[in-house]
C-alpha atoms as a PDB file:
ATOM      1  CA  UNK A   1     -78.524  15.504 -23.192  1.00  0.00           C
ATOM      2  CA  UNK A   2     -81.648  16.969 -21.603  1.00  0.00           C
ATOM      3  CA  UNK A   3     -79.620  17.977 -18.566  1.00  0.00           C
ATOM      4  CA  UNK A   4     -77.235  19.801 -20.885  1.00  0.00           C
ATOM      5  CA  UNK A   5     -80.081  21.756 -22.467  1.00  0.00           C
ATOM      6  CA  UNK A   6     -81.515  22.500 -19.023  1.00  0.00           C
ATOM      7  CA  UNK A   7     -78.214  24.051 -17.966  1.00  0.00           C
ATOM      8  CA  UNK A   8     -78.347  26.283 -21.040  1.00  0.00           C
ATOM      9  CA  UNK A   9     -81.799  27.530 -20.082  1.00  0.00           C
ATOM     10  CA  UNK A  10     -80.588  28.314 -16.554  1.00  0.00           C
ATOM     11  CA  UNK A  11     -77.737  30.387 -17.954  1.00  0.00           C
ATOM     12  CA  UNK A  12     -80.005  32.173 -20.419  1.00  0.00           C
ATOM     13  CA  UNK A  13     -82.573  33.084 -17.815  1.00  0.00           C
ATOM     14  CA  UNK A  14     -79.850  34.331 -15.489  1.00  0.00           C
ATOM     15  CA  UNK A  15     -78.285  36.608 -18.103  1.00  0.00           C
ATOM     16  CA  UNK A  16     -80.037  39.978 -18.203  1.00  0.00           C
ATOM     17  CA  UNK A  17     -78.760  41.652 -21.342  1.00  0.00           C
ATOM     18  CA  UNK A  18     -79.848  44.847 -23.024  1.00  0.00           C
ATOM     19  CA  UNK A  19     -79.415  45.903 -26.627  1.00  0.00           C
ATOM     20  CA  UNK A  20     -80.292  49.569 -26.103  1.00  0.00           C
ATOM     21  CA  UNK A  21     -77.897  52.306 -25.121  1.00  0.00           C
ATOM     22  CA  UNK A  22     -78.045  55.216 -22.723  1.00  0.00           C
ATOM     23  CA  UNK A  23     -78.077  57.599 -25.685  1.00  0.00           C
ATOM     24  CA  UNK A  24     -80.747  55.969 -27.829  1.00  0.00           C
ATOM     25  CA  UNK A  25     -80.679  58.455 -30.670  1.00  0.00           C
ATOM     26  CA  UNK A  26     -77.278  60.092 -30.822  1.00  0.00           C
ATOM     27  CA  UNK A  27     -76.223  60.404 -34.483  1.00  0.00           C
ATOM     28  CA  UNK A  28     -72.560  59.724 -35.147  1.00  0.00           C
ATOM     29  CA  UNK A  29     -71.220  62.608 -37.251  1.00  0.00           C
ATOM     30  CA  UNK A  30     -68.531  60.322 -38.709  1.00  0.00           C
ATOM     31  CA  UNK A  31     -70.996  57.771 -40.096  1.00  0.00           C
ATOM     32  CA  UNK A  32     -71.642  57.761 -43.848  1.00  0.00           C
ATOM     33  CA  UNK A  33     -75.332  58.317 -44.623  1.00  0.00           C
ATOM     34  CA  UNK A  34     -77.793  57.365 -47.305  1.00  0.00           C
ATOM     35  CA  UNK A  35     -80.057  60.008 -48.838  1.00  0.00           C
ATOM     36  CA  UNK A  36     -82.687  59.405 -46.186  1.00  0.00           C
ATOM     37  CA  UNK A  37     -80.161  60.090 -43.422  1.00  0.00           C
ATOM     38  CA  UNK A  38     -79.757  56.517 -42.245  1.00  0.00           C
ATOM     39  CA  UNK A  39     -76.259  55.076 -41.651  1.00  0.00           C
ATOM     40  CA  UNK A  40     -74.897  53.488 -44.802  1.00  0.00           C
ATOM     41  CA  UNK A  41     -73.768  50.127 -43.435  1.00  0.00           C
ATOM     42  CA  UNK A  42     -72.454  48.964 -46.811  1.00  0.00           C
ATOM     43  CA  UNK A  43     -70.138  51.963 -47.250  1.00  0.00           C
ATOM     44  CA  UNK A  44     -66.368  51.281 -47.259  1.00  0.00           C
ATOM     45  CA  UNK A  45     -64.725  50.611 -43.918  1.00  0.00           C
ATOM     46  CA  UNK A  46     -63.026  53.662 -42.388  1.00  0.00           C
ATOM     47  CA  UNK A  47     -59.241  53.649 -42.077  1.00  0.00           C
ATOM     48  CA  UNK A  48     -56.761  55.186 -39.676  1.00  0.00           C
ATOM     49  CA  UNK A  49     -53.006  55.321 -40.297  1.00  0.00           C
ATOM     50  CA  UNK A  50     -53.402  52.957 -43.238  1.00  0.00           C
ATOM     51  CA  UNK A  51     -55.321  50.269 -41.334  1.00  0.00           C
ATOM     52  CA  UNK A  52     -59.048  49.642 -40.911  1.00  0.00           C
ATOM     53  CA  UNK A  53     -60.545  51.503 -37.974  1.00  0.00           C
ATOM     54  CA  UNK A  54     -62.486  48.939 -35.936  1.00  0.00           C
ATOM     55  CA  UNK A  55     -63.958  51.515 -33.558  1.00  0.00           C
ATOM     56  CA  UNK A  56     -67.670  51.292 -32.893  1.00  0.00           C
ATOM     57  CA  UNK A  57     -70.331  49.304 -31.081  1.00  0.00           C
ATOM     58  CA  UNK A  58     -70.680  45.765 -32.368  1.00  0.00           C
ATOM     59  CA  UNK A  59     -72.859  42.747 -31.719  1.00  0.00           C
ATOM     60  CA  UNK A  60     -72.579  39.177 -32.937  1.00  0.00           C
ATOM     61  CA  UNK A  61     -75.017  38.273 -35.709  1.00  0.00           C
ATOM     62  CA  UNK A  62     -77.786  35.812 -34.949  1.00  0.00           C
ATOM     63  CA  UNK A  63     -77.667  32.240 -36.185  1.00  0.00           C
ATOM     64  CA  UNK A  64     -80.570  30.917 -38.268  1.00  0.00           C
ATOM     65  CA  UNK A  65     -83.461  29.826 -36.050  1.00  0.00           C
ATOM     66  CA  UNK A  66     -83.112  26.213 -37.176  1.00  0.00           C
ATOM     67  CA  UNK A  67     -79.614  26.099 -35.665  1.00  0.00           C
ATOM     68  CA  UNK A  68     -80.605  27.330 -32.197  1.00  0.00           C
ATOM     69  CA  UNK A  69     -84.315  26.697 -31.651  1.00  0.00           C
ATOM     70  CA  UNK A  70     -83.723  23.379 -29.864  1.00  0.00           C
ATOM     71  CA  UNK A  71     -81.842  25.236 -27.143  1.00  0.00           C
ATOM     72  CA  UNK A  72     -84.370  27.996 -26.504  1.00  0.00           C
ATOM     73  CA  UNK A  73     -87.635  28.358 -24.629  1.00  0.00           C
ATOM     74  CA  UNK A  74     -90.535  28.400 -27.116  1.00  0.00           C
ATOM     75  CA  UNK A  75     -92.132  31.778 -27.688  1.00  0.00           C
ATOM     76  CA  UNK A  76     -89.919  33.647 -25.227  1.00  0.00           C
ATOM     77  CA  UNK A  77     -86.952  35.957 -25.187  1.00  0.00           C
ATOM     78  CA  UNK A  78     -84.860  33.615 -23.015  1.00  0.00           C
ATOM     79  CA  UNK A  79     -83.467  36.485 -20.979  1.00  0.00           C
ATOM     80  CA  UNK A  80     -81.345  37.583 -23.930  1.00  0.00           C
ATOM     81  CA  UNK A  81     -83.268  40.526 -25.287  1.00  0.00           C
ATOM     82  CA  UNK A  82     -84.991  40.313 -28.648  1.00  0.00           C
ATOM     83  CA  UNK A  83     -82.118  38.933 -30.708  1.00  0.00           C
ATOM     84  CA  UNK A  84     -81.581  35.260 -31.447  1.00  0.00           C
ATOM     85  CA  UNK A  85     -78.097  34.317 -30.206  1.00  0.00           C
ATOM     86  CA  UNK A  86     -75.259  32.763 -32.157  1.00  0.00           C
ATOM     87  CA  UNK A  87     -75.176  28.983 -32.052  1.00  0.00           C
ATOM     88  CA  UNK A  88     -71.589  29.216 -30.845  1.00  0.00           C
ATOM     89  CA  UNK A  89     -72.671  31.143 -27.744  1.00  0.00           C
ATOM     90  CA  UNK A  90     -74.994  28.271 -26.890  1.00  0.00           C
ATOM     91  CA  UNK A  91     -72.472  25.581 -27.818  1.00  0.00           C
ATOM     92  CA  UNK A  92     -68.974  26.508 -28.948  1.00  0.00           C
ATOM     93  CA  UNK A  93     -68.692  23.015 -30.482  1.00  0.00           C
ATOM     94  CA  UNK A  94     -72.021  23.143 -32.320  1.00  0.00           C
ATOM     95  CA  UNK A  95     -70.280  22.131 -35.573  1.00  0.00           C
ATOM     96  CA  UNK A  96     -69.529  18.758 -33.949  1.00  0.00           C
ATOM     97  CA  UNK A  97     -72.122  16.074 -33.160  1.00  0.00           C
ATOM     98  CA  UNK A  98     -73.219  16.398 -29.544  1.00  0.00           C
ATOM     99  CA  UNK A  99     -70.910  14.515 -27.153  1.00  0.00           C
ATOM    100  CA  UNK A 100     -68.383  14.073 -29.960  1.00  0.00           C
ATOM    101  CA  UNK A 101     -66.398  17.191 -29.132  1.00  0.00           C
ATOM    102  CA  UNK A 102     -62.617  16.700 -29.468  1.00  0.00           C
ATOM    103  CA  UNK A 103     -62.167  16.179 -25.725  1.00  0.00           C
ATOM    104  CA  UNK A 104     -59.191  14.616 -24.098  1.00  0.00           C
ATOM    105  CA  UNK A 105     -60.448  11.437 -22.325  1.00  0.00           C
ATOM    106  CA  UNK A 106     -60.392  12.879 -18.792  1.00  0.00           C
ATOM    107  CA  UNK A 107     -62.147  16.068 -19.919  1.00  0.00           C
ATOM    108  CA  UNK A 108     -64.811  14.044 -21.738  1.00  0.00           C
ATOM    109  CA  UNK A 109     -65.566  12.100 -18.563  1.00  0.00           C
ATOM    110  CA  UNK A 110     -65.813  15.315 -16.544  1.00  0.00           C
ATOM    111  CA  UNK A 111     -68.174  16.912 -19.066  1.00  0.00           C
ATOM    112  CA  UNK A 112     -70.491  13.893 -19.070  1.00  0.00           C
ATOM    113  CA  UNK A 113     -70.523  13.900 -15.288  1.00  0.00           C
ATOM    114  CA  UNK A 114     -71.561  17.523 -15.271  1.00  0.00           C
ATOM    115  CA  UNK A 115     -74.356  16.863 -17.750  1.00  0.00           C
ATOM    116  CA  UNK A 116     -75.659  14.080 -15.544  1.00  0.00           C
ATOM    117  CA  UNK A 117     -75.767  16.355 -12.528  1.00  0.00           C
ATOM    118  CA  UNK A 118     -72.775  14.785 -10.837  1.00  0.00           C
ATOM    119  CA  UNK A 119     -71.272  18.163 -10.002  1.00  0.00           C
ATOM    120  CA  UNK A 120     -72.783  21.220  -8.397  1.00  0.00           C
ATOM    121  CA  UNK A 121     -73.619  23.861 -11.023  1.00  0.00           C
ATOM    122  CA  UNK A 122     -71.505  27.018 -10.934  1.00  0.00           C
ATOM    123  CA  UNK A 123     -72.691  30.072  -9.052  1.00  0.00           C
ATOM    124  CA  UNK A 124     -74.715  32.482 -11.152  1.00  0.00           C
ATOM    125  CA  UNK A 125     -73.132  35.647 -12.525  1.00  0.00           C
ATOM    126  CA  UNK A 126     -69.587  34.415 -13.013  1.00  0.00           C
ATOM    127  CA  UNK A 127     -67.532  36.687 -15.287  1.00  0.00           C
ATOM    128  CA  UNK A 128     -68.040  35.999 -18.979  1.00  0.00           C
ATOM    129  CA  UNK A 129     -64.505  36.084 -20.325  1.00  0.00           C
ATOM    130  CA  UNK A 130     -63.450  35.331 -23.878  1.00  0.00           C
ATOM    131  CA  UNK A 131     -64.437  33.604 -26.061  1.00  0.00           C
ATOM    132  CA  UNK A 132     -68.001  33.614 -24.717  1.00  0.00           C
ATOM    133  CA  UNK A 133     -67.862  37.395 -24.182  1.00  0.00           C
ATOM    134  CA  UNK A 134     -67.403  37.875 -27.945  1.00  0.00           C
ATOM    135  CA  UNK A 135     -70.369  35.598 -28.693  1.00  0.00           C
ATOM    136  CA  UNK A 136     -72.963  37.005 -26.292  1.00  0.00           C
ATOM    137  CA  UNK A 137     -75.975  38.570 -28.035  1.00  0.00           C
ATOM    138  CA  UNK A 138     -75.085  41.874 -26.392  1.00  0.00           C
ATOM    139  CA  UNK A 139     -73.166  44.936 -27.573  1.00  0.00           C
ATOM    140  CA  UNK A 140     -69.495  45.624 -27.029  1.00  0.00           C
ATOM    141  CA  UNK A 141     -67.478  48.671 -28.001  1.00  0.00           C
ATOM    142  CA  UNK A 142     -64.060  48.712 -29.656  1.00  0.00           C
ATOM    143  CA  UNK A 143     -61.908  51.769 -28.952  1.00  0.00           C
ATOM    144  CA  UNK A 144     -58.648  52.042 -30.880  1.00  0.00           C
ATOM    145  CA  UNK A 145     -55.828  54.235 -29.595  1.00  0.00           C
ATOM    146  CA  UNK A 146     -52.090  54.206 -30.367  1.00  0.00           C
ATOM    147  CA  UNK A 147     -50.530  51.370 -28.403  1.00  0.00           C
ATOM    148  CA  UNK A 148     -53.782  50.141 -26.878  1.00  0.00           C
ATOM    149  CA  UNK A 149     -57.148  48.839 -28.078  1.00  0.00           C
ATOM    150  CA  UNK A 150     -60.004  48.581 -25.572  1.00  0.00           C
ATOM    151  CA  UNK A 151     -62.934  46.183 -25.697  1.00  0.00           C
ATOM    152  CA  UNK A 152     -65.801  47.438 -23.515  1.00  0.00           C
ATOM    153  CA  UNK A 153     -68.562  44.889 -22.922  1.00  0.00           C
ATOM    154  CA  UNK A 154     -72.085  45.935 -22.006  1.00  0.00           C
ATOM    155  CA  UNK A 155     -72.891  42.624 -20.303  1.00  0.00           C
ATOM    156  CA  UNK A 156     -71.665  42.985 -16.706  1.00  0.00           C
ATOM    157  CA  UNK A 157     -69.869  46.207 -17.712  1.00  0.00           C
ATOM    158  CA  UNK A 158     -66.303  44.913 -17.962  1.00  0.00           C
ATOM    159  CA  UNK A 159     -63.356  45.669 -20.226  1.00  0.00           C
ATOM    160  CA  UNK A 160     -60.310  44.087 -21.852  1.00  0.00           C
ATOM    161  CA  UNK A 161     -57.005  45.795 -22.679  1.00  0.00           C
ATOM    162  CA  UNK A 162     -55.299  44.723 -25.901  1.00  0.00           C
ATOM    163  CA  UNK A 163     -51.757  46.097 -25.905  1.00  0.00           C
ATOM    164  CA  UNK A 164     -50.264  47.020 -29.278  1.00  0.00           C
ATOM    165  CA  UNK A 165     -47.146  48.757 -27.953  1.00  0.00           C
ATOM    166  CA  UNK A 166     -44.800  45.904 -28.820  1.00  0.00           C
ATOM    167  CA  UNK A 167     -44.775  44.180 -25.431  1.00  0.00           C
ATOM    168  CA  UNK A 168     -44.603  40.384 -25.256  1.00  0.00           C
ATOM    169  CA  UNK A 169     -47.017  38.103 -23.474  1.00  0.00           C
ATOM    170  CA  UNK A 170     -45.826  37.202 -19.945  1.00  0.00           C
ATOM    171  CA  UNK A 171     -43.821  33.993 -19.649  1.00  0.00           C
ATOM    172  CA  UNK A 172     -45.421  33.022 -16.326  1.00  0.00           C
ATOM    173  CA  UNK A 173     -48.720  34.901 -16.030  1.00  0.00           C
ATOM    174  CA  UNK A 174     -50.859  35.010 -12.919  1.00  0.00           C
ATOM    175  CA  UNK A 175     -54.054  33.167 -14.003  1.00  0.00           C
ATOM    176  CA  UNK A 176     -56.993  35.522 -14.463  1.00  0.00           C
ATOM    177  CA  UNK A 177     -60.541  35.554 -15.814  1.00  0.00           C
ATOM    178  CA  UNK A 178     -59.726  37.597 -18.931  1.00  0.00           C
ATOM    179  CA  UNK A 179     -56.114  36.626 -19.530  1.00  0.00           C
ATOM    180  CA  UNK A 180     -53.346  38.806 -20.947  1.00  0.00           C
ATOM    181  CA  UNK A 181     -53.722  40.107 -24.490  1.00  0.00           C
ATOM    182  CA  UNK A 182     -51.477  41.614 -27.150  1.00  0.00           C
ATOM    183  CA  UNK A 183     -52.538  42.640 -30.638  1.00  0.00           C
ATOM    184  CA  UNK A 184     -50.984  43.160 -34.039  1.00  0.00           C
ATOM    185  CA  UNK A 185     -52.046  43.689 -37.637  1.00  0.00           C
ATOM    186  CA  UNK A 186     -51.853  40.912 -40.212  1.00  0.00           C
ATOM    187  CA  UNK A 187     -52.773  42.689 -43.416  1.00  0.00           C
ATOM    188  CA  UNK A 188     -56.249  44.120 -42.816  1.00  0.00           C
ATOM    189  CA  UNK A 189     -56.972  41.748 -39.915  1.00  0.00           C
ATOM    190  CA  UNK A 190     -56.426  42.745 -36.289  1.00  0.00           C
ATOM    191  CA  UNK A 191     -55.140  39.680 -34.440  1.00  0.00           C
ATOM    192  CA  UNK A 192     -55.414  39.321 -30.649  1.00  0.00           C
ATOM    193  CA  UNK A 193     -53.335  36.670 -28.878  1.00  0.00           C
ATOM    194  CA  UNK A 194     -54.428  35.879 -25.313  1.00  0.00           C
ATOM    195  CA  UNK A 195     -53.164  33.507 -22.630  1.00  0.00           C
ATOM    196  CA  UNK A 196     -52.934  33.354 -18.838  1.00  0.00           C
ATOM    197  CA  UNK A 197     -56.510  32.304 -18.101  1.00  0.00           C
ATOM    198  CA  UNK A 198     -57.689  30.623 -14.927  1.00  0.00           C
ATOM    199  CA  UNK A 199     -59.730  27.422 -15.303  1.00  0.00           C
ATOM    200  CA  UNK A 200     -62.957  28.820 -13.827  1.00  0.00           C
ATOM    201  CA  UNK A 201     -64.508  30.324 -16.943  1.00  0.00           C
ATOM    202  CA  UNK A 202     -66.696  28.601 -19.505  1.00  0.00           C
ATOM    203  CA  UNK A 203     -66.713  28.580 -23.275  1.00  0.00           C
ATOM    204  CA  UNK A 204     -70.467  28.727 -23.813  1.00  0.00           C
ATOM    205  CA  UNK A 205     -73.902  28.444 -22.220  1.00  0.00           C
ATOM    206  CA  UNK A 206     -73.779  24.648 -22.342  1.00  0.00           C
ATOM    207  CA  UNK A 207     -70.879  24.535 -19.911  1.00  0.00           C
ATOM    208  CA  UNK A 208     -67.913  23.482 -22.026  1.00  0.00           C
ATOM    209  CA  UNK A 209     -64.803  24.345 -20.058  1.00  0.00           C
ATOM    210  CA  UNK A 210     -61.086  24.975 -20.493  1.00  0.00           C
ATOM    211  CA  UNK A 211     -57.891  24.679 -18.500  1.00  0.00           C
ATOM    212  CA  UNK A 212     -55.275  27.252 -17.544  1.00  0.00           C
ATOM    213  CA  UNK A 213     -53.390  26.178 -20.678  1.00  0.00           C
ATOM    214  CA  UNK A 214     -55.977  27.690 -23.021  1.00  0.00           C
ATOM    215  CA  UNK A 215     -54.690  30.113 -25.617  1.00  0.00           C
ATOM    216  CA  UNK A 216     -57.051  32.160 -27.770  1.00  0.00           C
ATOM    217  CA  UNK A 217     -56.507  33.857 -31.097  1.00  0.00           C
ATOM    218  CA  UNK A 218     -59.131  36.363 -32.260  1.00  0.00           C
ATOM    219  CA  UNK A 219     -59.006  37.805 -35.787  1.00  0.00           C
ATOM    220  CA  UNK A 220     -61.161  40.867 -36.527  1.00  0.00           C
ATOM    221  CA  UNK A 221     -61.623  41.892 -40.171  1.00  0.00           C
ATOM    222  CA  UNK A 222     -63.913  44.815 -40.965  1.00  0.00           C
ATOM    223  CA  UNK A 223     -65.536  44.068 -44.316  1.00  0.00           C
ATOM    224  CA  UNK A 224     -67.296  47.419 -44.708  1.00  0.00           C
ATOM    225  CA  UNK A 225     -68.689  50.173 -42.519  1.00  0.00           C
ATOM    226  CA  UNK A 226     -71.372  48.066 -40.866  1.00  0.00           C
ATOM    227  CA  UNK A 227     -70.045  44.492 -40.938  1.00  0.00           C
ATOM    228  CA  UNK A 228     -67.079  42.664 -39.485  1.00  0.00           C
ATOM    229  CA  UNK A 229     -65.878  39.067 -39.442  1.00  0.00           C
ATOM    230  CA  UNK A 230     -64.540  37.532 -36.243  1.00  0.00           C
ATOM    231  CA  UNK A 231     -62.608  34.262 -36.259  1.00  0.00           C
ATOM    232  CA  UNK A 232     -61.842  32.684 -32.875  1.00  0.00           C
ATOM    233  CA  UNK A 233     -59.379  29.808 -32.436  1.00  0.00           C
ATOM    234  CA  UNK A 234     -59.221  27.942 -29.132  1.00  0.00           C
ATOM    235  CA  UNK A 235     -56.083  25.915 -28.418  1.00  0.00           C
ATOM    236  CA  UNK A 236     -56.093  23.974 -25.135  1.00  0.00           C
ATOM    237  CA  UNK A 237     -54.169  20.691 -25.499  1.00  0.00           C
ATOM    238  CA  UNK A 238     -54.852  19.739 -21.866  1.00  0.00           C
ATOM    239  CA  UNK A 239     -58.617  19.682 -22.517  1.00  0.00           C
ATOM    240  CA  UNK A 240     -59.045  19.213 -26.273  1.00  0.00           C
ATOM    241  CA  UNK A 241     -57.197  17.093 -28.808  1.00  0.00           C
ATOM    242  CA  UNK A 242     -56.920  19.832 -31.424  1.00  0.00           C
ATOM    243  CA  UNK A 243     -57.475  23.573 -31.890  1.00  0.00           C
ATOM    244  CA  UNK A 244     -61.056  24.519 -32.770  1.00  0.00           C
ATOM    245  CA  UNK A 245     -61.934  27.584 -34.849  1.00  0.00           C
ATOM    246  CA  UNK A 246     -65.334  29.246 -35.191  1.00  0.00           C
ATOM    247  CA  UNK A 247     -66.254  32.205 -37.389  1.00  0.00           C
ATOM    248  CA  UNK A 248     -69.085  34.656 -36.751  1.00  0.00           C
ATOM    249  CA  UNK A 249     -70.283  37.904 -38.238  1.00  0.00           C
ATOM    250  CA  UNK A 250     -70.516  41.128 -36.265  1.00  0.00           C
ATOM    251  CA  UNK A 251     -72.889  43.971 -37.107  1.00  0.00           C
ATOM    252  CA  UNK A 252     -72.413  47.606 -36.230  1.00  0.00           C
ATOM    253  CA  UNK A 253     -74.927  49.307 -33.930  1.00  0.00           C
ATOM    254  CA  UNK A 254     -74.693  52.932 -35.084  1.00  0.00           C
ATOM    255  CA  UNK A 255     -76.007  56.091 -33.439  1.00  0.00           C
ATOM    256  CA  UNK A 256     -76.233  54.637 -29.922  1.00  0.00           C
ATOM    257  CA  UNK A 257     -74.012  53.742 -26.983  1.00  0.00           C
ATOM    258  CA  UNK A 258     -73.564  51.198 -24.215  1.00  0.00           C
ATOM    259  CA  UNK A 259     -75.533  51.082 -20.990  1.00  0.00           C
ATOM    260  CA  UNK A 260     -74.347  49.606 -17.716  1.00  0.00           C
ATOM    261  CA  UNK A 261     -75.661  46.100 -17.058  1.00  0.00           C
ATOM    262  CA  UNK A 262     -74.974  43.765 -14.138  1.00  0.00           C
ATOM    263  CA  UNK A 263     -76.107  40.179 -13.774  1.00  0.00           C
ATOM    264  CA  UNK A 264     -76.835  40.645 -10.066  1.00  0.00           C
ATOM    265  CA  UNK A 265     -79.480  43.306 -10.655  1.00  0.00           C
ATOM    266  CA  UNK A 266     -82.892  41.739 -10.096  1.00  0.00           C
ATOM    267  CA  UNK A 267     -81.423  38.254  -9.543  1.00  0.00           C
ATOM    268  CA  UNK A 268     -83.678  36.211  -7.224  1.00  0.00           C
ATOM    269  CA  UNK A 269     -82.912  32.594  -8.094  1.00  0.00           C
ATOM    270  CA  UNK A 270     -79.630  31.936  -6.279  1.00  0.00           C
ATOM    271  CA  UNK A 271     -81.174  31.916  -2.814  1.00  0.00           C
ATOM    272  CA  UNK A 272     -83.545  29.130  -3.879  1.00  0.00           C
ATOM    273  CA  UNK A 273     -80.912  26.843  -5.418  1.00  0.00           C
ATOM    274  CA  UNK A 274     -80.121  23.693  -3.516  1.00  0.00           C
ATOM    275  CA  UNK A 275     -76.931  23.865  -1.476  1.00  0.00           C
ATOM    276  CA  UNK A 276     -76.950  27.651  -1.216  1.00  0.00           C
END
């Protein structure tokens, strides 16, 4: 188990994230305000064409310290800015006892081997695709347009396209880091269905993995102006015995914007890793 926690610390220290934007103080004229001029985060959610407007810059809410402190370096920022991360970013299966994740037998053996150092750790700065991209303690922007919703991630400055123009998911997709995504409304929830992943990405900082058979469902529900609920369901019958759902809160970051951020900037550790 110590090796598993050590791998988390390596990932955290190698993940330079920023919670500030290039325009630090740029008031949004569309934001409702309190009498003192501050954004009213508890105001009703905005709507567009009869549906909630999810547009804005969002960041996953922190987990209580008691749920994550065993993973983190004492007294430090862990390379993740000032915010405590979500427990699901550290371990997507944190609601299960450690090493009792619903693995298929072969996947369980592979995971234990990795924890024991039986496999070479992955190269630093691999793309952080979903679901871990949604769980990073770093901002991402949602941009809604007719027929297409964009998710712009500050960490490593990458984007996802969520098509809402009625197209179907490909029957035989070329495996990719981010997969292929379509979206639709289910009441007031925006539902994203994604498949077509490669098997190179991870689910969390601990190193849980998935196969090319993984399918993700993300449900975004804006509760009010400043708060949103995100429910993520992972379904990968080749790796796990059952679908696993986690739910996190997202908070709006008003009056600011994203800044470019790349993992390779300032990275000095890779050259000193064994086998490099």
